[in-house]
Amino acid sequence: RGNFARSLTLAESARDLFLEMENEEEGLAHSYASVAYSLNSLKKLPDAIEQMSKSVEVFESIGLKDEWTMRRNLANWMQTATRFEDSGVLFIKCAERELFEGCEVQAALDFFGYAQALCELDKDEDAIKQFRLGREYFKKHKEVFRVAEADFFIGRCLNHLEDGFEAEVYLRKALITFELGEYVGRQSQALSQLGRALTF
């Protein structure tokens, strides 16, 4: 913790220096991000989110690609902070950018992030659409485990909607992959959800 505190002090000093300088937006953006990472390490998530938001804002103003890494980190932090609507907006923006850049696997991961936010907001039907969209790209790129994860999450959402028949279909597909890959933790989760599906 002492090292994180020292890192924060140094990052804040750098940020304050860049704030006093002209035409140093890139350095300022990186220093905001450094402060944010240090704050996050110190479990000061609201402050970290505030500083990372400023980093994203500056990166966006100068058009550097680092913006998207910071924006994605911000989305994850907002999800941790239960700011699910804000998180979802950021994830879908990242997904659209990655598709524009041709990075379909990363876009699929962002669709998953958006879907998770929708789940937390009890918008399961919308979440299923996003999981299916991500699944299409994972299948296209032969990301077998991630396809199975999509099947699992879709099945879980269908359970929330009390559609046990459809949930069973997806969960059995997921379970087969988890068993073949010996993903023990995921097997247990899939079996639990499958048991729930069979009760409807």
N, C-alpha and C. Protein backbone atom coordinates (compact mmCIF):
# COMPACT_ATOMS: atom_id res chain seq x y z
N ARG A 1 0.83 -1.21 0.00
CA ARG A 1 0.00 0.00 0.00
C ARG A 1 0.86 1.26 0.00
N GLY A 2 2.01 1.18 0.70
CA GLY A 2 2.92 2.32 0.73
C GLY A 2 3.43 2.68 -0.64
N ASN A 3 3.74 1.64 -1.44
CA ASN A 3 4.22 1.89 -2.80
C ASN A 3 3.15 2.56 -3.65
N PHE A 4 1.90 2.13 -3.49
CA PHE A 4 0.80 2.73 -4.25
C PHE A 4 0.63 4.20 -3.86
N ALA A 5 0.79 4.48 -2.56
CA ALA A 5 0.66 5.86 -2.09
C ALA A 5 1.76 6.73 -2.68
N ARG A 6 2.98 6.19 -2.73
CA ARG A 6 4.09 6.96 -3.32
C ARG A 6 3.86 7.16 -4.81
N SER A 7 3.35 6.12 -5.47
CA SER A 7 3.05 6.24 -6.90
C SER A 7 2.00 7.31 -7.15
N LEU A 8 1.01 7.36 -6.26
CA LEU A 8 -0.03 8.37 -6.39
C LEU A 8 0.55 9.78 -6.24
N THR A 9 1.42 9.95 -5.27
CA THR A 9 2.04 11.27 -5.05
C THR A 9 2.81 11.71 -6.28
N LEU A 10 3.58 10.79 -6.87
CA LEU A 10 4.37 11.12 -8.06
C LEU A 10 3.46 11.41 -9.25
N ALA A 11 2.41 10.61 -9.40
CA ALA A 11 1.48 10.81 -10.52
C ALA A 11 0.75 12.14 -10.39
N GLU A 12 0.36 12.50 -9.18
CA GLU A 12 -0.32 13.78 -8.97
C GLU A 12 0.61 14.96 -9.24
N SER A 13 1.88 14.80 -8.88
CA SER A 13 2.85 15.86 -9.14
C SER A 13 3.03 16.07 -10.64
N ALA A 14 3.10 14.95 -11.37
CA ALA A 14 3.24 15.03 -12.83
C ALA A 14 2.00 15.67 -13.45
N ARG A 15 0.84 15.26 -12.97
CA ARG A 15 -0.41 15.84 -13.48
C ARG A 15 -0.45 17.34 -13.26
N ASP A 16 -0.12 17.76 -12.06
CA ASP A 16 -0.16 19.19 -11.74
C ASP A 16 0.83 19.98 -12.59
N LEU A 17 1.97 19.35 -12.88
CA LEU A 17 2.97 20.01 -13.73
C LEU A 17 2.43 20.18 -15.14
N PHE A 18 1.83 19.13 -15.68
CA PHE A 18 1.29 19.21 -17.04
C PHE A 18 0.13 20.21 -17.12
N LEU A 19 -0.62 20.33 -16.04
CA LEU A 19 -1.72 21.31 -16.02
C LEU A 19 -1.22 22.73 -16.17
N GLU A 20 0.02 22.97 -15.75
CA GLU A 20 0.60 24.31 -15.82
C GLU A 20 1.24 24.59 -17.18
N MET A 21 1.42 23.55 -17.98
CA MET A 21 2.12 23.69 -19.26
C MET A 21 1.13 23.79 -20.42
N GLU A 22 1.56 24.44 -21.48
CA GLU A 22 0.74 24.57 -22.68
C GLU A 22 1.13 23.50 -23.69
N ASN A 23 0.15 23.08 -24.48
CA ASN A 23 0.38 22.13 -25.57
C ASN A 23 1.01 20.81 -25.09
N GLU A 24 0.60 20.37 -23.92
CA GLU A 24 1.10 19.10 -23.38
C GLU A 24 -0.08 18.18 -23.05
N GLU A 25 -1.05 18.17 -23.97
CA GLU A 25 -2.28 17.41 -23.70
C GLU A 25 -2.02 15.91 -23.57
N GLU A 26 -1.11 15.37 -24.39
CA GLU A 26 -0.85 13.93 -24.30
C GLU A 26 -0.26 13.57 -22.95
N GLY A 27 0.70 14.34 -22.50
CA GLY A 27 1.29 14.10 -21.19
C GLY A 27 0.27 14.24 -20.08
N LEU A 28 -0.62 15.22 -20.23
CA LEU A 28 -1.67 15.44 -19.25
C LEU A 28 -2.63 14.26 -19.20
N ALA A 29 -3.00 13.77 -20.37
CA ALA A 29 -3.92 12.63 -20.43
C ALA A 29 -3.32 11.40 -19.76
N HIS A 30 -2.04 11.14 -20.05
CA HIS A 30 -1.37 9.99 -19.43
C HIS A 30 -1.23 10.18 -17.93
N SER A 31 -0.98 11.40 -17.50
CA SER A 31 -0.82 11.63 -16.06
C SER A 31 -2.15 11.46 -15.33
N TYR A 32 -3.24 11.89 -15.94
CA TYR A 32 -4.56 11.63 -15.35
C TYR A 32 -4.78 10.12 -15.19
N ALA A 33 -4.40 9.37 -16.22
CA ALA A 33 -4.57 7.92 -16.16
C ALA A 33 -3.70 7.31 -15.07
N SER A 34 -2.48 7.80 -14.92
CA SER A 34 -1.58 7.29 -13.87
C SER A 34 -2.15 7.54 -12.49
N VAL A 35 -2.70 8.73 -12.30
CA VAL A 35 -3.34 9.05 -11.02
C VAL A 35 -4.51 8.09 -10.80
N ALA A 36 -5.29 7.86 -11.85
CA ALA A 36 -6.45 6.98 -11.74
C ALA A 36 -6.04 5.57 -11.35
N TYR A 37 -5.01 5.02 -11.99
CA TYR A 37 -4.56 3.67 -11.67
C TYR A 37 -4.10 3.57 -10.22
N SER A 38 -3.37 4.59 -9.76
CA SER A 38 -2.90 4.59 -8.38
C SER A 38 -4.07 4.65 -7.40
N LEU A 39 -5.04 5.48 -7.70
CA LEU A 39 -6.23 5.58 -6.84
C LEU A 39 -6.99 4.26 -6.80
N ASN A 40 -7.09 3.62 -7.95
CA ASN A 40 -7.79 2.34 -8.00
C ASN A 40 -7.05 1.29 -7.16
N SER A 41 -5.72 1.31 -7.22
CA SER A 41 -4.92 0.38 -6.42
C SER A 41 -5.12 0.62 -4.93
N LEU A 42 -5.42 1.85 -4.57
CA LEU A 42 -5.66 2.20 -3.18
C LEU A 42 -7.13 2.03 -2.78
N LYS A 43 -7.92 1.39 -3.67
CA LYS A 43 -9.34 1.12 -3.42
C LYS A 43 -10.17 2.40 -3.32
N LYS A 44 -9.72 3.45 -4.00
CA LYS A 44 -10.48 4.70 -4.02
C LYS A 44 -11.14 4.83 -5.39
N LEU A 45 -12.11 3.95 -5.62
CA LEU A 45 -12.70 3.80 -6.95
C LEU A 45 -13.42 5.06 -7.46
N PRO A 46 -14.24 5.73 -6.65
CA PRO A 46 -14.90 6.94 -7.17
C PRO A 46 -13.91 8.00 -7.65
N ASP A 47 -12.83 8.18 -6.89
CA ASP A 47 -11.81 9.15 -7.30
C ASP A 47 -11.08 8.67 -8.56
N ALA A 48 -10.84 7.37 -8.62
CA ALA A 48 -10.18 6.80 -9.80
C ALA A 48 -11.03 7.02 -11.05
N ILE A 49 -12.32 6.81 -10.92
CA ILE A 49 -13.24 7.01 -12.04
C ILE A 49 -13.21 8.47 -12.50
N GLU A 50 -13.19 9.38 -11.55
CA GLU A 50 -13.16 10.81 -11.89
C GLU A 50 -11.90 11.16 -12.68
N GLN A 51 -10.75 10.66 -12.24
CA GLN A 51 -9.50 10.97 -12.92
C GLN A 51 -9.41 10.28 -14.29
N MET A 52 -9.91 9.03 -14.38
CA MET A 52 -9.88 8.33 -15.67
C MET A 52 -10.84 9.00 -16.66
N SER A 53 -11.94 9.53 -16.16
CA SER A 53 -12.87 10.25 -17.04
C SER A 53 -12.18 11.46 -17.66
N LYS A 54 -11.36 12.14 -16.86
CA LYS A 54 -10.62 13.30 -17.37
C LYS A 54 -9.57 12.86 -18.39
N SER A 55 -8.95 11.71 -18.14
CA SER A 55 -7.97 11.18 -19.09
C SER A 55 -8.64 10.90 -20.44
N VAL A 56 -9.80 10.24 -20.40
CA VAL A 56 -10.54 9.93 -21.63
C VAL A 56 -10.91 11.21 -22.36
N GLU A 57 -11.36 12.19 -21.61
CA GLU A 57 -11.77 13.46 -22.20
C GLU A 57 -10.62 14.13 -22.95
N VAL A 58 -9.44 14.14 -22.34
CA VAL A 58 -8.28 14.78 -22.98
C VAL A 58 -7.83 13.96 -24.19
N PHE A 59 -7.75 12.64 -24.04
CA PHE A 59 -7.35 11.79 -25.17
C PHE A 59 -8.31 11.99 -26.35
N GLU A 60 -9.60 12.06 -26.04
CA GLU A 60 -10.59 12.25 -27.10
C GLU A 60 -10.37 13.58 -27.82
N SER A 61 -10.00 14.61 -27.07
CA SER A 61 -9.83 15.94 -27.66
C SER A 61 -8.65 16.00 -28.62
N ILE A 62 -7.65 15.11 -28.42
CA ILE A 62 -6.47 15.14 -29.30
C ILE A 62 -6.44 13.95 -30.26
N GLY A 63 -7.44 13.08 -30.16
CA GLY A 63 -7.60 12.01 -31.14
C GLY A 63 -6.57 10.91 -31.08
N LEU A 64 -6.12 10.53 -29.87
CA LEU A 64 -5.16 9.43 -29.74
C LEU A 64 -5.87 8.13 -29.42
N LYS A 65 -5.37 7.01 -29.96
CA LYS A 65 -6.02 5.72 -29.78
C LYS A 65 -6.01 5.25 -28.32
N ASP A 66 -5.09 5.78 -27.53
CA ASP A 66 -5.05 5.41 -26.11
C ASP A 66 -6.40 5.66 -25.44
N GLU A 67 -7.16 6.56 -26.01
CA GLU A 67 -8.49 6.86 -25.48
C GLU A 67 -9.31 5.61 -25.26
N TRP A 68 -9.20 4.64 -26.18
CA TRP A 68 -10.08 3.48 -26.14
C TRP A 68 -9.68 2.51 -25.06
N THR A 69 -8.38 2.39 -24.79
CA THR A 69 -7.94 1.57 -23.66
C THR A 69 -8.44 2.17 -22.36
N MET A 70 -8.29 3.48 -22.23
CA MET A 70 -8.73 4.16 -21.02
C MET A 70 -10.26 4.10 -20.88
N ARG A 71 -10.94 4.24 -22.00
CA ARG A 71 -12.40 4.21 -21.97
C ARG A 71 -12.90 2.82 -21.52
N ARG A 72 -12.21 1.79 -21.98
CA ARG A 72 -12.60 0.43 -21.59
C ARG A 72 -12.32 0.19 -20.11
N ASN A 73 -11.18 0.67 -19.63
CA ASN A 73 -10.89 0.56 -18.20
C ASN A 73 -11.96 1.28 -17.39
N LEU A 74 -12.34 2.45 -17.87
CA LEU A 74 -13.37 3.24 -17.19
C LEU A 74 -14.70 2.49 -17.15
N ALA A 75 -15.03 1.82 -18.25
CA ALA A 75 -16.27 1.04 -18.30
C ALA A 75 -16.26 -0.08 -17.26
N ASN A 76 -15.12 -0.76 -17.16
CA ASN A 76 -15.01 -1.84 -16.17
C ASN A 76 -15.11 -1.31 -14.75
N TRP A 77 -14.46 -0.19 -14.50
CA TRP A 77 -14.52 0.39 -13.15
C TRP A 77 -15.94 0.83 -12.81
N MET A 78 -16.61 1.42 -13.79
CA MET A 78 -17.99 1.86 -13.54
C MET A 78 -18.89 0.67 -13.24
N GLN A 79 -18.62 -0.45 -13.89
CA GLN A 79 -19.41 -1.64 -13.61
C GLN A 79 -19.16 -2.12 -12.17
N THR A 80 -17.90 -2.07 -11.76
CA THR A 80 -17.55 -2.44 -10.38
C THR A 80 -18.24 -1.51 -9.38
N ALA A 81 -18.37 -0.24 -9.78
CA ALA A 81 -18.99 0.76 -8.91
C ALA A 81 -20.51 0.75 -9.03
N THR A 82 -21.05 -0.24 -9.72
CA THR A 82 -22.50 -0.43 -9.96
C THR A 82 -23.12 0.74 -10.73
N ARG A 83 -22.31 1.42 -11.52
CA ARG A 83 -22.84 2.45 -12.42
C ARG A 83 -23.09 1.80 -13.78
N PHE A 84 -24.08 0.93 -13.81
CA PHE A 84 -24.26 0.04 -14.95
C PHE A 84 -24.69 0.76 -16.23
N GLU A 85 -25.53 1.76 -16.12
CA GLU A 85 -25.94 2.49 -17.32
C GLU A 85 -24.76 3.20 -17.95
N ASP A 86 -23.95 3.87 -17.13
CA ASP A 86 -22.76 4.56 -17.64
C ASP A 86 -21.79 3.57 -18.25
N SER A 87 -21.62 2.44 -17.57
CA SER A 87 -20.73 1.39 -18.07
C SER A 87 -21.18 0.89 -19.43
N GLY A 88 -22.47 0.64 -19.57
CA GLY A 88 -23.01 0.13 -20.83
C GLY A 88 -22.79 1.07 -21.98
N VAL A 89 -22.98 2.37 -21.74
CA VAL A 89 -22.77 3.37 -22.79
C VAL A 89 -21.32 3.33 -23.28
N LEU A 90 -20.39 3.20 -22.35
CA LEU A 90 -18.97 3.15 -22.72
C LEU A 90 -18.62 1.88 -23.48
N PHE A 91 -19.15 0.75 -23.01
CA PHE A 91 -18.84 -0.52 -23.69
C PHE A 91 -19.35 -0.54 -25.12
N ILE A 92 -20.56 -0.04 -25.34
CA ILE A 92 -21.10 -0.10 -26.70
C ILE A 92 -20.34 0.85 -27.61
N LYS A 93 -19.88 1.97 -27.06
CA LYS A 93 -19.07 2.90 -27.85
C LYS A 93 -17.74 2.26 -28.23
N CYS A 94 -17.15 1.53 -27.28
CA CYS A 94 -15.90 0.81 -27.57
C CYS A 94 -16.12 -0.26 -28.63
N ALA A 95 -17.23 -0.98 -28.53
CA ALA A 95 -17.53 -2.04 -29.49
C ALA A 95 -17.67 -1.48 -30.90
N GLU A 96 -18.36 -0.36 -31.02
CA GLU A 96 -18.54 0.25 -32.34
C GLU A 96 -17.20 0.68 -32.92
N ARG A 97 -16.33 1.20 -32.07
CA ARG A 97 -15.00 1.61 -32.52
C ARG A 97 -14.19 0.40 -32.99
N GLU A 98 -14.23 -0.69 -32.22
CA GLU A 98 -13.45 -1.87 -32.58
C GLU A 98 -13.95 -2.49 -33.89
N LEU A 99 -15.24 -2.47 -34.12
CA LEU A 99 -15.76 -2.97 -35.40
C LEU A 99 -15.28 -2.11 -36.55
N PHE A 100 -15.26 -0.79 -36.33
CA PHE A 100 -14.76 0.13 -37.35
C PHE A 100 -13.30 -0.16 -37.67
N GLU A 101 -12.54 -0.53 -36.62
CA GLU A 101 -11.11 -0.83 -36.80
C GLU A 101 -10.88 -2.26 -37.28
N GLY A 102 -11.94 -3.07 -37.34
CA GLY A 102 -11.80 -4.45 -37.79
C GLY A 102 -11.36 -5.42 -36.71
N CYS A 103 -11.44 -5.01 -35.45
CA CYS A 103 -11.03 -5.86 -34.32
C CYS A 103 -12.26 -6.55 -33.73
N GLU A 104 -12.71 -7.60 -34.41
CA GLU A 104 -14.01 -8.18 -34.09
C GLU A 104 -14.03 -8.92 -32.75
N VAL A 105 -12.91 -9.56 -32.37
CA VAL A 105 -12.89 -10.29 -31.10
C VAL A 105 -12.99 -9.31 -29.94
N GLN A 106 -12.23 -8.21 -30.01
CA GLN A 106 -12.33 -7.20 -28.96
C GLN A 106 -13.72 -6.58 -28.93
N ALA A 107 -14.29 -6.36 -30.09
CA ALA A 107 -15.66 -5.83 -30.14
C ALA A 107 -16.62 -6.79 -29.44
N ALA A 108 -16.43 -8.09 -29.67
CA ALA A 108 -17.30 -9.08 -29.04
C ALA A 108 -17.17 -9.03 -27.52
N LEU A 109 -15.94 -8.84 -27.03
CA LEU A 109 -15.74 -8.72 -25.58
C LEU A 109 -16.45 -7.48 -25.04
N ASP A 110 -16.45 -6.41 -25.83
CA ASP A 110 -17.15 -5.20 -25.41
C ASP A 110 -18.66 -5.40 -25.42
N PHE A 111 -19.15 -6.14 -26.41
CA PHE A 111 -20.58 -6.48 -26.41
C PHE A 111 -20.94 -7.28 -25.16
N PHE A 112 -20.03 -8.15 -24.74
CA PHE A 112 -20.24 -8.91 -23.51
C PHE A 112 -20.31 -7.97 -22.31
N GLY A 113 -19.40 -7.00 -22.26
CA GLY A 113 -19.42 -6.04 -21.17
C GLY A 113 -20.73 -5.29 -21.11
N TYR A 114 -21.21 -4.88 -22.28
CA TYR A 114 -22.49 -4.19 -22.37
C TYR A 114 -23.62 -5.10 -21.91
N ALA A 115 -23.56 -6.36 -22.33
CA ALA A 115 -24.59 -7.32 -21.96
C ALA A 115 -24.63 -7.53 -20.44
N GLN A 116 -23.45 -7.59 -19.82
CA GLN A 116 -23.40 -7.78 -18.37
C GLN A 116 -24.05 -6.60 -17.66
N ALA A 117 -23.82 -5.40 -18.18
CA ALA A 117 -24.45 -4.21 -17.59
C ALA A 117 -25.97 -4.30 -17.72
N LEU A 118 -26.43 -4.76 -18.87
CA LEU A 118 -27.87 -4.91 -19.09
C LEU A 118 -28.47 -5.94 -18.14
N CYS A 119 -27.72 -7.02 -17.88
CA CYS A 119 -28.19 -8.03 -16.93
C CYS A 119 -28.41 -7.41 -15.56
N GLU A 120 -27.45 -6.59 -15.14
CA GLU A 120 -27.56 -5.97 -13.82
C GLU A 120 -28.74 -5.00 -13.74
N LEU A 121 -29.16 -4.50 -14.89
CA LEU A 121 -30.30 -3.59 -14.95
C LEU A 121 -31.61 -4.34 -15.19
N ASP A 122 -31.54 -5.68 -15.11
CA ASP A 122 -32.70 -6.55 -15.33
C ASP A 122 -33.30 -6.38 -16.72
N LYS A 123 -32.42 -6.13 -17.68
CA LYS A 123 -32.86 -6.04 -19.08
C LYS A 123 -32.35 -7.28 -19.82
N ASP A 124 -32.89 -8.44 -19.42
CA ASP A 124 -32.35 -9.70 -19.90
C ASP A 124 -32.55 -9.92 -21.39
N GLU A 125 -33.67 -9.49 -21.93
CA GLU A 125 -33.91 -9.67 -23.37
C GLU A 125 -32.90 -8.88 -24.18
N ASP A 126 -32.61 -7.65 -23.76
CA ASP A 126 -31.61 -6.84 -24.45
C ASP A 126 -30.22 -7.45 -24.27
N ALA A 127 -29.95 -7.98 -23.08
CA ALA A 127 -28.66 -8.61 -22.82
C ALA A 127 -28.44 -9.80 -23.74
N ILE A 128 -29.49 -10.60 -23.92
CA ILE A 128 -29.39 -11.77 -24.80
C ILE A 128 -28.98 -11.35 -26.21
N LYS A 129 -29.55 -10.26 -26.69
CA LYS A 129 -29.21 -9.77 -28.04
C LYS A 129 -27.72 -9.45 -28.13
N GLN A 130 -27.18 -8.83 -27.09
CA GLN A 130 -25.76 -8.47 -27.10
C GLN A 130 -24.87 -9.70 -26.97
N PHE A 131 -25.27 -10.65 -26.11
CA PHE A 131 -24.49 -11.89 -25.99
C PHE A 131 -24.48 -12.65 -27.33
N ARG A 132 -25.63 -12.66 -28.01
CA ARG A 132 -25.70 -13.35 -29.30
C ARG A 132 -24.84 -12.66 -30.35
N LEU A 133 -24.82 -11.35 -30.29
CA LEU A 133 -23.98 -10.59 -31.22
C LEU A 133 -22.51 -10.92 -30.98
N GLY A 134 -22.11 -10.90 -29.72
CA GLY A 134 -20.73 -11.26 -29.40
C GLY A 134 -20.42 -12.69 -29.80
N ARG A 135 -21.39 -13.58 -29.59
CA ARG A 135 -21.21 -15.00 -29.93
C ARG A 135 -20.92 -15.19 -31.41
N GLU A 136 -21.59 -14.42 -32.25
CA GLU A 136 -21.38 -14.53 -33.69
C GLU A 136 -19.92 -14.26 -34.06
N TYR A 137 -19.36 -13.23 -33.46
CA TYR A 137 -17.97 -12.90 -33.77
C TYR A 137 -17.00 -13.92 -33.17
N PHE A 138 -17.30 -14.41 -31.97
CA PHE A 138 -16.45 -15.44 -31.37
C PHE A 138 -16.47 -16.71 -32.21
N LYS A 139 -17.66 -17.07 -32.70
CA LYS A 139 -17.77 -18.27 -33.55
C LYS A 139 -17.00 -18.07 -34.85
N LYS A 140 -17.11 -16.90 -35.43
CA LYS A 140 -16.41 -16.58 -36.67
C LYS A 140 -14.90 -16.74 -36.52
N HIS A 141 -14.39 -16.38 -35.35
CA HIS A 141 -12.94 -16.43 -35.10
C HIS A 141 -12.52 -17.68 -34.31
N LYS A 142 -13.45 -18.65 -34.24
CA LYS A 142 -13.15 -19.95 -33.63
C LYS A 142 -12.68 -19.84 -32.17
N GLU A 143 -13.31 -18.90 -31.46
CA GLU A 143 -13.03 -18.74 -30.02
C GLU A 143 -13.98 -19.68 -29.26
N VAL A 144 -13.59 -20.95 -29.19
CA VAL A 144 -14.50 -22.00 -28.71
C VAL A 144 -14.96 -21.74 -27.28
N PHE A 145 -14.04 -21.45 -26.38
CA PHE A 145 -14.42 -21.24 -24.98
C PHE A 145 -15.35 -20.04 -24.85
N ARG A 146 -15.07 -18.98 -25.59
CA ARG A 146 -15.91 -17.79 -25.48
C ARG A 146 -17.30 -18.01 -26.09
N VAL A 147 -17.38 -18.84 -27.11
CA VAL A 147 -18.70 -19.21 -27.63
C VAL A 147 -19.49 -19.93 -26.53
N ALA A 148 -18.81 -20.83 -25.83
CA ALA A 148 -19.46 -21.56 -24.74
C ALA A 148 -19.88 -20.60 -23.62
N GLU A 149 -19.04 -19.63 -23.34
CA GLU A 149 -19.41 -18.63 -22.32
C GLU A 149 -20.66 -17.87 -22.75
N ALA A 150 -20.73 -17.54 -24.05
CA ALA A 150 -21.92 -16.86 -24.55
C ALA A 150 -23.15 -17.73 -24.35
N ASP A 151 -23.02 -19.03 -24.67
CA ASP A 151 -24.14 -19.95 -24.48
C ASP A 151 -24.56 -19.99 -23.00
N PHE A 152 -23.57 -20.01 -22.12
CA PHE A 152 -23.87 -20.03 -20.69
C PHE A 152 -24.63 -18.78 -20.26
N PHE A 153 -24.13 -17.62 -20.67
CA PHE A 153 -24.77 -16.37 -20.24
C PHE A 153 -26.17 -16.21 -20.85
N ILE A 154 -26.31 -16.63 -22.10
CA ILE A 154 -27.64 -16.59 -22.71
C ILE A 154 -28.60 -17.50 -21.94
N GLY A 155 -28.11 -18.71 -21.60
CA GLY A 155 -28.93 -19.63 -20.82
C GLY A 155 -29.32 -19.05 -19.47
N ARG A 156 -28.37 -18.38 -18.83
CA ARG A 156 -28.67 -17.77 -17.53
C ARG A 156 -29.73 -16.68 -17.65
N CYS A 157 -29.60 -15.86 -18.70
CA CYS A 157 -30.61 -14.82 -18.93
C CYS A 157 -31.99 -15.44 -19.19
N LEU A 158 -32.01 -16.52 -19.96
CA LEU A 158 -33.28 -17.19 -20.25
C LEU A 158 -33.89 -17.75 -18.96
N ASN A 159 -33.04 -18.20 -18.05
CA ASN A 159 -33.55 -18.64 -16.75
C ASN A 159 -34.21 -17.48 -16.01
N HIS A 160 -33.57 -16.32 -16.08
CA HIS A 160 -34.15 -15.14 -15.44
C HIS A 160 -35.54 -14.83 -16.02
N LEU A 161 -35.69 -15.14 -17.31
CA LEU A 161 -36.97 -14.91 -17.98
C LEU A 161 -37.92 -16.09 -17.83
N GLU A 162 -37.45 -17.11 -17.08
CA GLU A 162 -38.23 -18.33 -16.81
C GLU A 162 -38.59 -19.09 -18.08
N ASP A 163 -37.66 -19.07 -19.05
CA ASP A 163 -37.81 -19.85 -20.28
C ASP A 163 -36.87 -21.05 -20.16
N GLY A 164 -37.29 -22.02 -19.37
CA GLY A 164 -36.44 -23.15 -19.08
C GLY A 164 -36.08 -23.99 -20.29
N PHE A 165 -37.00 -24.11 -21.24
CA PHE A 165 -36.78 -24.96 -22.41
C PHE A 165 -35.60 -24.42 -23.23
N GLU A 166 -35.65 -23.12 -23.56
CA GLU A 166 -34.57 -22.52 -24.34
C GLU A 166 -33.28 -22.46 -23.53
N ALA A 167 -33.40 -22.18 -22.25
CA ALA A 167 -32.22 -22.11 -21.39
C ALA A 167 -31.49 -23.45 -21.39
N GLU A 168 -32.23 -24.53 -21.31
CA GLU A 168 -31.61 -25.86 -21.30
C GLU A 168 -30.79 -26.10 -22.56
N VAL A 169 -31.31 -25.69 -23.70
CA VAL A 169 -30.60 -25.89 -24.97
C VAL A 169 -29.22 -25.22 -24.92
N TYR A 170 -29.19 -23.97 -24.51
CA TYR A 170 -27.92 -23.22 -24.48
C TYR A 170 -26.99 -23.75 -23.40
N LEU A 171 -27.53 -24.07 -22.25
CA LEU A 171 -26.69 -24.52 -21.14
C LEU A 171 -26.07 -25.88 -21.40
N ARG A 172 -26.80 -26.75 -22.09
CA ARG A 172 -26.23 -28.07 -22.43
C ARG A 172 -25.08 -27.91 -23.43
N LYS A 173 -25.23 -26.99 -24.38
CA LYS A 173 -24.14 -26.75 -25.33
C LYS A 173 -22.91 -26.22 -24.59
N ALA A 174 -23.15 -25.28 -23.68
CA ALA A 174 -22.04 -24.71 -22.92
C ALA A 174 -21.35 -25.78 -22.08
N LEU A 175 -22.16 -26.62 -21.44
CA LEU A 175 -21.62 -27.65 -20.55
C LEU A 175 -20.72 -28.62 -21.29
N ILE A 176 -21.09 -28.99 -22.50
CA ILE A 176 -20.27 -29.92 -23.29
C ILE A 176 -18.86 -29.34 -23.49
N THR A 177 -18.80 -28.07 -23.86
CA THR A 177 -17.50 -27.43 -24.08
C THR A 177 -16.72 -27.31 -22.78
N PHE A 178 -17.39 -26.93 -21.71
CA PHE A 178 -16.71 -26.79 -20.42
C PHE A 178 -16.16 -28.14 -19.94
N GLU A 179 -16.91 -29.22 -20.20
CA GLU A 179 -16.44 -30.55 -19.80
C GLU A 179 -15.25 -30.99 -20.65
N LEU A 180 -15.32 -30.75 -21.95
CA LEU A 180 -14.22 -31.14 -22.83
C LEU A 180 -12.95 -30.37 -22.50
N GLY A 181 -13.12 -29.10 -22.14
CA GLY A 181 -11.96 -28.28 -21.81
C GLY A 181 -11.54 -28.35 -20.36
N GLU A 182 -12.29 -29.15 -19.58
CA GLU A 182 -12.01 -29.32 -18.15
C GLU A 182 -12.00 -27.99 -17.40
N TYR A 183 -12.96 -27.15 -17.75
CA TYR A 183 -13.14 -25.88 -17.04
C TYR A 183 -14.06 -26.14 -15.85
N VAL A 184 -13.47 -26.56 -14.75
CA VAL A 184 -14.24 -27.08 -13.61
C VAL A 184 -15.20 -26.03 -13.04
N GLY A 185 -14.69 -24.81 -12.85
CA GLY A 185 -15.53 -23.76 -12.29
C GLY A 185 -16.74 -23.48 -13.15
N ARG A 186 -16.51 -23.40 -14.44
CA ARG A 186 -17.61 -23.14 -15.36
C ARG A 186 -18.56 -24.33 -15.42
N GLN A 187 -18.04 -25.55 -15.31
CA GLN A 187 -18.92 -26.72 -15.29
C GLN A 187 -19.91 -26.63 -14.14
N SER A 188 -19.41 -26.26 -12.97
CA SER A 188 -20.28 -26.17 -11.79
C SER A 188 -21.36 -25.12 -11.99
N GLN A 189 -20.97 -23.98 -12.56
CA GLN A 189 -21.94 -22.92 -12.80
C GLN A 189 -23.00 -23.34 -13.81
N ALA A 190 -22.54 -24.01 -14.87
CA ALA A 190 -23.47 -24.45 -15.91
C ALA A 190 -24.44 -25.50 -15.36
N LEU A 191 -23.93 -26.42 -14.54
CA LEU A 191 -24.80 -27.44 -13.94
C LEU A 191 -25.83 -26.80 -13.02
N SER A 192 -25.42 -25.80 -12.27
CA SER A 192 -26.34 -25.10 -11.38
C SER A 192 -27.46 -24.43 -12.16
N GLN A 193 -27.09 -23.75 -13.25
CA GLN A 193 -28.10 -23.08 -14.07
C GLN A 193 -28.98 -24.09 -14.81
N LEU A 194 -28.37 -25.20 -15.21
CA LEU A 194 -29.14 -26.25 -15.89
C LEU A 194 -30.18 -26.83 -14.95
N GLY A 195 -29.79 -27.05 -13.69
CA GLY A 195 -30.74 -27.55 -12.70
C GLY A 195 -31.89 -26.59 -12.52
N ARG A 196 -31.58 -25.30 -12.55
CA ARG A 196 -32.65 -24.29 -12.41
C ARG A 196 -33.57 -24.33 -13.62
N ALA A 197 -32.99 -24.47 -14.83
CA ALA A 197 -33.80 -24.49 -16.05
C ALA A 197 -34.81 -25.63 -16.03
N LEU A 198 -34.41 -26.75 -15.45
CA LEU A 198 -35.28 -27.92 -15.44
C LEU A 198 -36.43 -27.80 -14.45
N THR A 199 -36.42 -26.76 -13.63
CA THR A 199 -37.51 -26.58 -12.67
C THR A 199 -38.68 -25.80 -13.25
N PHE A 200 -38.47 -25.16 -14.40
CA PHE A 200 -39.56 -24.35 -14.97
C PHE A 200 -40.54 -25.23 -15.75
